[in-house]
Full PDB file with SEQRES, HELIX, SHEET, SSBOND, CRYST1, ORIGX, SCALE, CONECT and MASTER records, all heavy atoms in Angstrom:
SEQRES   1 A   33  SER ASN GLY THR LEU GLY PHE ARG PHE ARG ALA THR MET          
SEQRES   2 A   33  ALA THR SER VAL LEU GLY LEU ALA VAL TRP ASP ARG ASN          
SEQRES   3 A   33  ASN ASP GLY PHE SER GLY ASN                                  
HELIX    1 AA1 ARG A   25  ASN A   27  5                                   3    
CRYST1    1.000    1.000    1.000  90.00  90.00  90.00 P 1           1          
ORIGX1      1.000000  0.000000  0.000000        0.00000                         
ORIGX2      0.000000  1.000000  0.000000        0.00000                         
ORIGX3      0.000000  0.000000  1.000000        0.00000                         
SCALE1      1.000000  0.000000  0.000000        0.00000                         
SCALE2      0.000000  1.000000  0.000000        0.00000                         
SCALE3      0.000000  0.000000  1.000000        0.00000                         
ATOM      1  N   SER A   1     142.330  73.134  98.889  1.00  0.00           N  
ATOM      2  CA  SER A   1     142.286  74.483  98.331  1.00  0.00           C  
ATOM      3  C   SER A   1     142.816  74.461  96.907  1.00  0.00           C  
ATOM      4  O   SER A   1     143.709  73.683  96.570  1.00  0.00           O  
ATOM      5  CB  SER A   1     143.134  75.433  99.181  1.00  0.00           C  
ATOM      6  OG  SER A   1     143.267  76.693  98.533  1.00  0.00           O  
ATOM      7  N   ASN A   2     142.277  75.332  96.076  1.00  0.00           N  
ATOM      8  CA  ASN A   2     142.761  75.470  94.704  1.00  0.00           C  
ATOM      9  C   ASN A   2     143.640  76.696  94.530  1.00  0.00           C  
ATOM     10  O   ASN A   2     143.993  77.058  93.413  1.00  0.00           O  
ATOM     11  CB  ASN A   2     141.575  75.558  93.726  1.00  0.00           C  
ATOM     12  CG  ASN A   2     140.823  74.250  93.625  1.00  0.00           C  
ATOM     13  OD1 ASN A   2     141.427  73.187  93.653  1.00  0.00           O  
ATOM     14  ND2 ASN A   2     139.502  74.329  93.525  1.00  0.00           N  
ATOM     15  N   GLY A   3     143.998  77.323  95.635  1.00  0.00           N  
ATOM     16  CA  GLY A   3     144.770  78.556  95.559  1.00  0.00           C  
ATOM     17  C   GLY A   3     146.202  78.408  96.043  1.00  0.00           C  
ATOM     18  O   GLY A   3     146.643  77.326  96.457  1.00  0.00           O  
ATOM     19  N   THR A   4     146.919  79.520  95.973  1.00  0.00           N  
ATOM     20  CA  THR A   4     148.273  79.606  96.511  1.00  0.00           C  
ATOM     21  C   THR A   4     148.187  80.141  97.927  1.00  0.00           C  
ATOM     22  O   THR A   4     147.632  81.218  98.154  1.00  0.00           O  
ATOM     23  CB  THR A   4     149.149  80.534  95.653  1.00  0.00           C  
ATOM     24  OG1 THR A   4     149.287  79.971  94.350  1.00  0.00           O  
ATOM     25  CG2 THR A   4     150.528  80.715  96.259  1.00  0.00           C  
ATOM     26  N   LEU A   5     148.731  79.376  98.889  1.00  0.00           N  
ATOM     27  CA  LEU A   5     148.628  79.734 100.295  1.00  0.00           C  
ATOM     28  C   LEU A   5     150.019  79.858 100.904  1.00  0.00           C  
ATOM     29  O   LEU A   5     150.901  79.039 100.639  1.00  0.00           O  
ATOM     30  CB  LEU A   5     147.822  78.685 101.063  1.00  0.00           C  
ATOM     31  CG  LEU A   5     146.375  78.467 100.623  1.00  0.00           C  
ATOM     32  CD1 LEU A   5     145.715  77.404 101.489  1.00  0.00           C  
ATOM     33  CD2 LEU A   5     145.589  79.763 100.661  1.00  0.00           C  
ATOM     34  N   GLY A   6     150.193  80.872 101.736  1.00  0.00           N  
ATOM     35  CA  GLY A   6     151.473  81.076 102.407  1.00  0.00           C  
ATOM     36  C   GLY A   6     151.403  82.249 103.357  1.00  0.00           C  
ATOM     37  O   GLY A   6     150.403  82.436 104.057  1.00  0.00           O  
ATOM     38  N   PHE A   7     152.441  83.083 103.345  1.00  0.00           N  
ATOM     39  CA  PHE A   7     152.460  84.220 104.253  1.00  0.00           C  
ATOM     40  C   PHE A   7     153.396  85.311 103.749  1.00  0.00           C  
ATOM     41  O   PHE A   7     154.318  85.074 102.966  1.00  0.00           O  
ATOM     42  CB  PHE A   7     152.847  83.792 105.672  1.00  0.00           C  
ATOM     43  CG  PHE A   7     154.191  83.108 105.784  1.00  0.00           C  
ATOM     44  CD1 PHE A   7     155.343  83.837 106.094  1.00  0.00           C  
ATOM     45  CD2 PHE A   7     154.315  81.744 105.587  1.00  0.00           C  
ATOM     46  CE1 PHE A   7     156.562  83.204 106.209  1.00  0.00           C  
ATOM     47  CE2 PHE A   7     155.539  81.107 105.699  1.00  0.00           C  
ATOM     48  CZ  PHE A   7     156.669  81.841 106.013  1.00  0.00           C  
ATOM     49  N   ARG A   8     153.106  86.501 104.207  1.00  0.00           N  
ATOM     50  CA  ARG A   8     153.959  87.679 103.989  1.00  0.00           C  
ATOM     51  C   ARG A   8     154.831  87.844 105.217  1.00  0.00           C  
ATOM     52  O   ARG A   8     154.386  87.602 106.346  1.00  0.00           O  
ATOM     53  CB  ARG A   8     153.101  88.918 103.779  1.00  0.00           C  
ATOM     54  CG  ARG A   8     153.860  90.229 103.535  1.00  0.00           C  
ATOM     55  CD  ARG A   8     152.852  91.339 103.290  1.00  0.00           C  
ATOM     56  NE  ARG A   8     153.473  92.601 102.905  1.00  0.00           N  
ATOM     57  CZ  ARG A   8     153.572  93.680 103.701  1.00  0.00           C  
ATOM     58  NH1 ARG A   8     153.087  93.620 104.953  1.00  0.00           N  
ATOM     59  NH2 ARG A   8     154.132  94.782 103.278  1.00  0.00           N  
ATOM     60  N   PHE A   9     156.086  88.260 105.032  1.00  0.00           N  
ATOM     61  CA  PHE A   9     156.983  88.391 106.170  1.00  0.00           C  
ATOM     62  C   PHE A   9     158.008  89.489 105.924  1.00  0.00           C  
ATOM     63  O   PHE A   9     158.238  89.903 104.784  1.00  0.00           O  
ATOM     64  CB  PHE A   9     157.706  87.067 106.450  1.00  0.00           C  
ATOM     65  CG  PHE A   9     158.648  86.632 105.348  1.00  0.00           C  
ATOM     66  CD1 PHE A   9     159.995  86.966 105.374  1.00  0.00           C  
ATOM     67  CD2 PHE A   9     158.178  85.887 104.276  1.00  0.00           C  
ATOM     68  CE1 PHE A   9     160.855  86.571 104.358  1.00  0.00           C  
ATOM     69  CE2 PHE A   9     159.039  85.481 103.257  1.00  0.00           C  
ATOM     70  CZ  PHE A   9     160.376  85.818 103.294  1.00  0.00           C  
ATOM     71  N   ARG A  10     158.613  89.940 107.023  1.00  0.00           N  
ATOM     72  CA  ARG A  10     159.698  90.919 106.958  1.00  0.00           C  
ATOM     73  C   ARG A  10     160.991  90.255 107.418  1.00  0.00           C  
ATOM     74  O   ARG A  10     161.012  89.541 108.428  1.00  0.00           O  
ATOM     75  CB  ARG A  10     159.393  92.124 107.857  1.00  0.00           C  
ATOM     76  CG  ARG A  10     160.508  93.179 107.885  1.00  0.00           C  
ATOM     77  CD  ARG A  10     160.070  94.405 108.660  1.00  0.00           C  
ATOM     78  NE  ARG A  10     159.704  94.073 110.030  1.00  0.00           N  
ATOM     79  CZ  ARG A  10     159.122  94.924 110.871  1.00  0.00           C  
ATOM     80  NH1 ARG A  10     158.805  96.148 110.468  1.00  0.00           N  
ATOM     81  NH2 ARG A  10     158.825  94.549 112.106  1.00  0.00           N  
ATOM     82  N   ALA A  11     162.063  90.472 106.667  1.00  0.00           N  
ATOM     83  CA  ALA A  11     163.367  89.907 107.029  1.00  0.00           C  
ATOM     84  C   ALA A  11     163.988  90.735 108.152  1.00  0.00           C  
ATOM     85  O   ALA A  11     164.025  91.966 108.084  1.00  0.00           O  
ATOM     86  CB  ALA A  11     164.300  89.894 105.828  1.00  0.00           C  
ATOM     87  N   THR A  12     164.473  90.064 109.188  1.00  0.00           N  
ATOM     88  CA  THR A  12     165.091  90.760 110.323  1.00  0.00           C  
ATOM     89  C   THR A  12     166.594  90.516 110.397  1.00  0.00           C  
ATOM     90  O   THR A  12     167.246  91.019 111.300  1.00  0.00           O  
ATOM     91  CB  THR A  12     164.451  90.297 111.646  1.00  0.00           C  
ATOM     92  OG1 THR A  12     164.657  88.887 111.810  1.00  0.00           O  
ATOM     93  CG2 THR A  12     162.964  90.606 111.665  1.00  0.00           C  
ATOM     94  N   MET A  13     167.119  89.741 109.458  1.00  0.00           N  
ATOM     95  CA  MET A  13     168.550  89.444 109.454  1.00  0.00           C  
ATOM     96  C   MET A  13     169.015  89.309 108.018  1.00  0.00           C  
ATOM     97  O   MET A  13     168.276  88.820 107.156  1.00  0.00           O  
ATOM     98  CB  MET A  13     168.832  88.146 110.224  1.00  0.00           C  
ATOM     99  CG  MET A  13     170.296  87.777 110.306  1.00  0.00           C  
ATOM    100  SD  MET A  13     170.536  86.267 111.299  1.00  0.00           S  
ATOM    101  CE  MET A  13     172.314  86.141 111.252  1.00  0.00           C  
ATOM    102  N   ALA A  14     170.246  89.739 107.742  1.00  0.00           N  
ATOM    103  CA  ALA A  14     170.816  89.625 106.401  1.00  0.00           C  
ATOM    104  C   ALA A  14     171.226  88.170 106.153  1.00  0.00           C  
ATOM    105  O   ALA A  14     172.357  87.777 106.420  1.00  0.00           O  
ATOM    106  CB  ALA A  14     172.010  90.559 106.236  1.00  0.00           C  
ATOM    107  N   THR A  15     170.286  87.400 105.681  1.00  0.00           N  
ATOM    108  CA  THR A  15     170.532  85.984 105.410  1.00  0.00           C  
ATOM    109  C   THR A  15     170.006  85.658 104.020  1.00  0.00           C  
ATOM    110  O   THR A  15     169.606  86.552 103.276  1.00  0.00           O  
ATOM    111  CB  THR A  15     169.858  85.103 106.479  1.00  0.00           C  
ATOM    112  OG1 THR A  15     170.180  83.743 106.242  1.00  0.00           O  
ATOM    113  CG2 THR A  15     168.359  85.296 106.486  1.00  0.00           C  
ATOM    114  N   SER A  16     170.015  84.388 103.646  1.00  0.00           N  
ATOM    115  CA  SER A  16     169.558  83.977 102.318  1.00  0.00           C  
ATOM    116  C   SER A  16     168.553  82.845 102.427  1.00  0.00           C  
ATOM    117  O   SER A  16     168.622  82.017 103.342  1.00  0.00           O  
ATOM    118  CB  SER A  16     170.744  83.513 101.466  1.00  0.00           C  
ATOM    119  OG  SER A  16     171.646  84.581 101.211  1.00  0.00           O  
ATOM    120  N   VAL A  17     167.631  82.828 101.492  1.00  0.00           N  
ATOM    121  CA  VAL A  17     166.695  81.710 101.373  1.00  0.00           C  
ATOM    122  C   VAL A  17     167.380  80.623 100.549  1.00  0.00           C  
ATOM    123  O   VAL A  17     167.750  80.843  99.394  1.00  0.00           O  
ATOM    124  CB  VAL A  17     165.378  82.146 100.699  1.00  0.00           C  
ATOM    125  CG1 VAL A  17     164.438  80.949 100.537  1.00  0.00           C  
ATOM    126  CG2 VAL A  17     164.706  83.244 101.517  1.00  0.00           C  
ATOM    127  N   LEU A  18     167.548  79.455 101.144  1.00  0.00           N  
ATOM    128  CA  LEU A  18     168.218  78.343 100.464  1.00  0.00           C  
ATOM    129  C   LEU A  18     167.235  77.405  99.768  1.00  0.00           C  
ATOM    130  O   LEU A  18     167.588  76.738  98.797  1.00  0.00           O  
ATOM    131  CB  LEU A  18     169.041  77.526 101.465  1.00  0.00           C  
ATOM    132  CG  LEU A  18     170.165  78.258 102.196  1.00  0.00           C  
ATOM    133  CD1 LEU A  18     170.900  77.298 103.120  1.00  0.00           C  
ATOM    134  CD2 LEU A  18     171.125  78.900 101.215  1.00  0.00           C  
ATOM    135  N   GLY A  19     166.013  77.343 100.286  1.00  0.00           N  
ATOM    136  CA  GLY A  19     165.025  76.433  99.717  1.00  0.00           C  
ATOM    137  C   GLY A  19     163.621  76.852 100.101  1.00  0.00           C  
ATOM    138  O   GLY A  19     163.420  77.782 100.893  1.00  0.00           O  
ATOM    139  N   LEU A  20     162.646  76.172  99.527  1.00  0.00           N  
ATOM    140  CA  LEU A  20     161.238  76.434  99.800  1.00  0.00           C  
ATOM    141  C   LEU A  20     160.567  75.128 100.195  1.00  0.00           C  
ATOM    142  O   LEU A  20     160.996  74.042  99.787  1.00  0.00           O  
ATOM    143  CB  LEU A  20     160.558  77.029  98.569  1.00  0.00           C  
ATOM    144  CG  LEU A  20     161.155  78.351  98.052  1.00  0.00           C  
ATOM    145  CD1 LEU A  20     160.484  78.765  96.751  1.00  0.00           C  
ATOM    146  CD2 LEU A  20     161.030  79.451  99.098  1.00  0.00           C  
ATOM    147  N   ALA A  21     159.511  75.238 100.993  1.00  0.00           N  
ATOM    148  CA  ALA A  21     158.880  74.054 101.565  1.00  0.00           C  
ATOM    149  C   ALA A  21     157.364  74.176 101.521  1.00  0.00           C  
ATOM    150  O   ALA A  21     156.809  75.258 101.314  1.00  0.00           O  
ATOM    151  CB  ALA A  21     159.345  73.861 103.009  1.00  0.00           C  
ATOM    152  N   VAL A  22     156.712  73.043 101.722  1.00  0.00           N  
ATOM    153  CA  VAL A  22     155.255  73.003 101.810  1.00  0.00           C  
ATOM    154  C   VAL A  22     154.881  72.027 102.921  1.00  0.00           C  
ATOM    155  O   VAL A  22     155.577  71.041 103.164  1.00  0.00           O  
ATOM    156  CB  VAL A  22     154.633  72.589 100.453  1.00  0.00           C  
ATOM    157  CG1 VAL A  22     155.081  71.199 100.043  1.00  0.00           C  
ATOM    158  CG2 VAL A  22     153.110  72.672 100.500  1.00  0.00           C  
ATOM    159  N   TRP A  23     153.774  72.322 103.594  1.00  0.00           N  
ATOM    160  CA  TRP A  23     153.315  71.466 104.683  1.00  0.00           C  
ATOM    161  C   TRP A  23     152.785  70.152 104.123  1.00  0.00           C  
ATOM    162  O   TRP A  23     151.992  70.133 103.183  1.00  0.00           O  
ATOM    163  CB  TRP A  23     152.222  72.174 105.475  1.00  0.00           C  
ATOM    164  CG  TRP A  23     151.652  71.345 106.587  1.00  0.00           C  
ATOM    165  CD1 TRP A  23     150.423  70.746 106.614  1.00  0.00           C  
ATOM    166  CD2 TRP A  23     152.290  71.009 107.819  1.00  0.00           C  
ATOM    167  NE1 TRP A  23     150.260  70.068 107.793  1.00  0.00           N  
ATOM    168  CE2 TRP A  23     151.394  70.207 108.555  1.00  0.00           C  
ATOM    169  CE3 TRP A  23     153.531  71.311 108.368  1.00  0.00           C  
ATOM    170  CZ2 TRP A  23     151.691  69.702 109.806  1.00  0.00           C  
ATOM    171  CZ3 TRP A  23     153.838  70.804 109.616  1.00  0.00           C  
ATOM    172  CH2 TRP A  23     152.930  70.018 110.324  1.00  0.00           C  
ATOM    173  N   ASP A  24     153.255  69.050 104.695  1.00  0.00           N  
ATOM    174  CA  ASP A  24     152.804  67.717 104.292  1.00  0.00           C  
ATOM    175  C   ASP A  24     152.118  67.056 105.481  1.00  0.00           C  
ATOM    176  O   ASP A  24     152.764  66.517 106.374  1.00  0.00           O  
ATOM    177  CB  ASP A  24     153.990  66.876 103.816  1.00  0.00           C  
ATOM    178  CG  ASP A  24     153.575  65.478 103.363  1.00  0.00           C  
ATOM    179  OD1 ASP A  24     152.355  65.212 103.294  1.00  0.00           O  
ATOM    180  OD2 ASP A  24     154.473  64.654 103.088  1.00  0.00           O  
ATOM    181  N   ARG A  25     150.806  67.113 105.481  1.00  0.00           N  
ATOM    182  CA  ARG A  25     150.027  66.533 106.578  1.00  0.00           C  
ATOM    183  C   ARG A  25     150.195  65.015 106.584  1.00  0.00           C  
ATOM    184  O   ARG A  25     150.130  64.359 105.550  1.00  0.00           O  
ATOM    185  CB  ARG A  25     148.552  66.905 106.414  1.00  0.00           C  
ATOM    186  CG  ARG A  25     147.637  66.360 107.485  1.00  0.00           C  
ATOM    187  CD  ARG A  25     146.252  66.958 107.316  1.00  0.00           C  
ATOM    188  NE  ARG A  25     145.321  66.403 108.276  1.00  0.00           N  
ATOM    189  CZ  ARG A  25     144.413  65.471 107.979  1.00  0.00           C  
ATOM    190  NH1 ARG A  25     144.332  64.998 106.748  1.00  0.00           N  
ATOM    191  NH2 ARG A  25     143.578  65.034 108.893  1.00  0.00           N  
ATOM    192  N   ASN A  26     150.462  64.482 107.752  1.00  0.00           N  
ATOM    193  CA  ASN A  26     150.629  63.042 107.978  1.00  0.00           C  
ATOM    194  C   ASN A  26     151.865  62.449 107.309  1.00  0.00           C  
ATOM    195  O   ASN A  26     152.036  61.221 107.297  1.00  0.00           O  
ATOM    196  CB  ASN A  26     149.380  62.262 107.530  1.00  0.00           C  
ATOM    197  CG  ASN A  26     148.153  62.607 108.347  1.00  0.00           C  
ATOM    198  OD1 ASN A  26     148.252  62.879 109.542  1.00  0.00           O  
ATOM    199  ND2 ASN A  26     146.996  62.627 107.699  1.00  0.00           N  
ATOM    200  N   ASN A  27     152.705  63.303 106.715  1.00  0.00           N  
ATOM    201  CA  ASN A  27     153.961  62.821 106.102  1.00  0.00           C  
ATOM    202  C   ASN A  27     153.718  61.742 105.049  1.00  0.00           C  
ATOM    203  O   ASN A  27     154.509  60.810 104.902  1.00  0.00           O  
ATOM    204  CB  ASN A  27     154.910  62.272 107.176  1.00  0.00           C  
ATOM    205  CG  ASN A  27     155.261  63.316 108.213  1.00  0.00           C  
ATOM    206  OD1 ASN A  27     155.663  64.420 107.880  1.00  0.00           O  
ATOM    207  ND2 ASN A  27     155.100  62.970 109.490  1.00  0.00           N  
ATOM    208  N   ASP A  28     152.630  61.872 104.310  1.00  0.00           N  
ATOM    209  CA  ASP A  28     152.287  60.831 103.344  1.00  0.00           C  
ATOM    210  C   ASP A  28     152.460  61.273 101.900  1.00  0.00           C  
ATOM    211  O   ASP A  28     151.983  60.607 100.971  1.00  0.00           O  
ATOM    212  CB  ASP A  28     150.852  60.348 103.576  1.00  0.00           C  
ATOM    213  CG  ASP A  28     149.838  61.488 103.526  1.00  0.00           C  
ATOM    214  OD1 ASP A  28     150.243  62.655 103.339  1.00  0.00           O  
ATOM    215  OD2 ASP A  28     148.631  61.220 103.691  1.00  0.00           O  
ATOM    216  N   GLY A  29     153.143  62.399 101.686  1.00  0.00           N  
ATOM    217  CA  GLY A  29     153.378  62.851 100.320  1.00  0.00           C  
ATOM    218  C   GLY A  29     152.156  63.489  99.693  1.00  0.00           C  
ATOM    219  O   GLY A  29     151.178  63.818 100.367  1.00  0.00           O  
ATOM    220  N   PHE A  30     152.209  63.619  98.365  1.00  0.00           N  
ATOM    221  CA  PHE A  30     151.189  64.372  97.641  1.00  0.00           C  
ATOM    222  C   PHE A  30     150.552  63.537  96.522  1.00  0.00           C  
ATOM    223  O   PHE A  30     150.305  64.031  95.425  1.00  0.00           O  
ATOM    224  CB  PHE A  30     151.809  65.644  97.055  1.00  0.00           C  
ATOM    225  CG  PHE A  30     152.655  66.408  98.034  1.00  0.00           C  
ATOM    226  CD1 PHE A  30     154.006  66.617  97.790  1.00  0.00           C  
ATOM    227  CD2 PHE A  30     152.113  66.900  99.208  1.00  0.00           C  
ATOM    228  CE1 PHE A  30     154.795  67.315  98.690  1.00  0.00           C  
ATOM    229  CE2 PHE A  30     152.895  67.591 100.121  1.00  0.00           C  
ATOM    230  CZ  PHE A  30     154.239  67.801  99.868  1.00  0.00           C  
ATOM    231  N   SER A  31     150.327  62.260  96.785  1.00  0.00           N  
ATOM    232  CA  SER A  31     149.695  61.356  95.825  1.00  0.00           C  
ATOM    233  C   SER A  31     150.428  61.345  94.482  1.00  0.00           C  
ATOM    234  O   SER A  31     149.805  61.299  93.411  1.00  0.00           O  
ATOM    235  CB  SER A  31     148.228  61.749  95.607  1.00  0.00           C  
ATOM    236  OG  SER A  31     147.501  61.607  96.799  1.00  0.00           O  
ATOM    237  N   GLY A  32     151.735  61.404  94.548  1.00  0.00           N  
ATOM    238  CA  GLY A  32     152.536  61.343  93.338  1.00  0.00           C  
ATOM    239  C   GLY A  32     152.713  62.665  92.623  1.00  0.00           C  
ATOM    240  O   GLY A  32     153.447  62.744  91.633  1.00  0.00           O  
ATOM    241  N   ASN A  33     152.032  63.708  93.080  1.00  0.00           N  
ATOM    242  CA  ASN A  33     152.158  65.011  92.443  1.00  0.00           C  
ATOM    243  C   ASN A  33     153.376  65.769  92.955  1.00  0.00           C  
ATOM    244  O   ASN A  33     153.964  65.415  93.984  1.00  0.00           O  
ATOM    245  CB  ASN A  33     150.909  65.861  92.712  1.00  0.00           C  
ATOM    246  CG  ASN A  33     149.676  65.308  92.023  1.00  0.00           C  
ATOM    247  OD1 ASN A  33     149.774  64.380  91.228  1.00  0.00           O  
ATOM    248  ND2 ASN A  33     148.527  65.881  92.322  1.00  0.00           N  
TER     249      ASN A  33                                                      
MASTER        0    0    0    1    0    0    0    6  248    1    0    3          
END                                                                             
């Protein structure tokens, strides 16, 4: 895909986002990118 993919969500608890992640299929990285 050439787009930005993710999801919309509602927070149900007063917490904090510590980091962001992306799905890595087969755990093989992103070809150096």
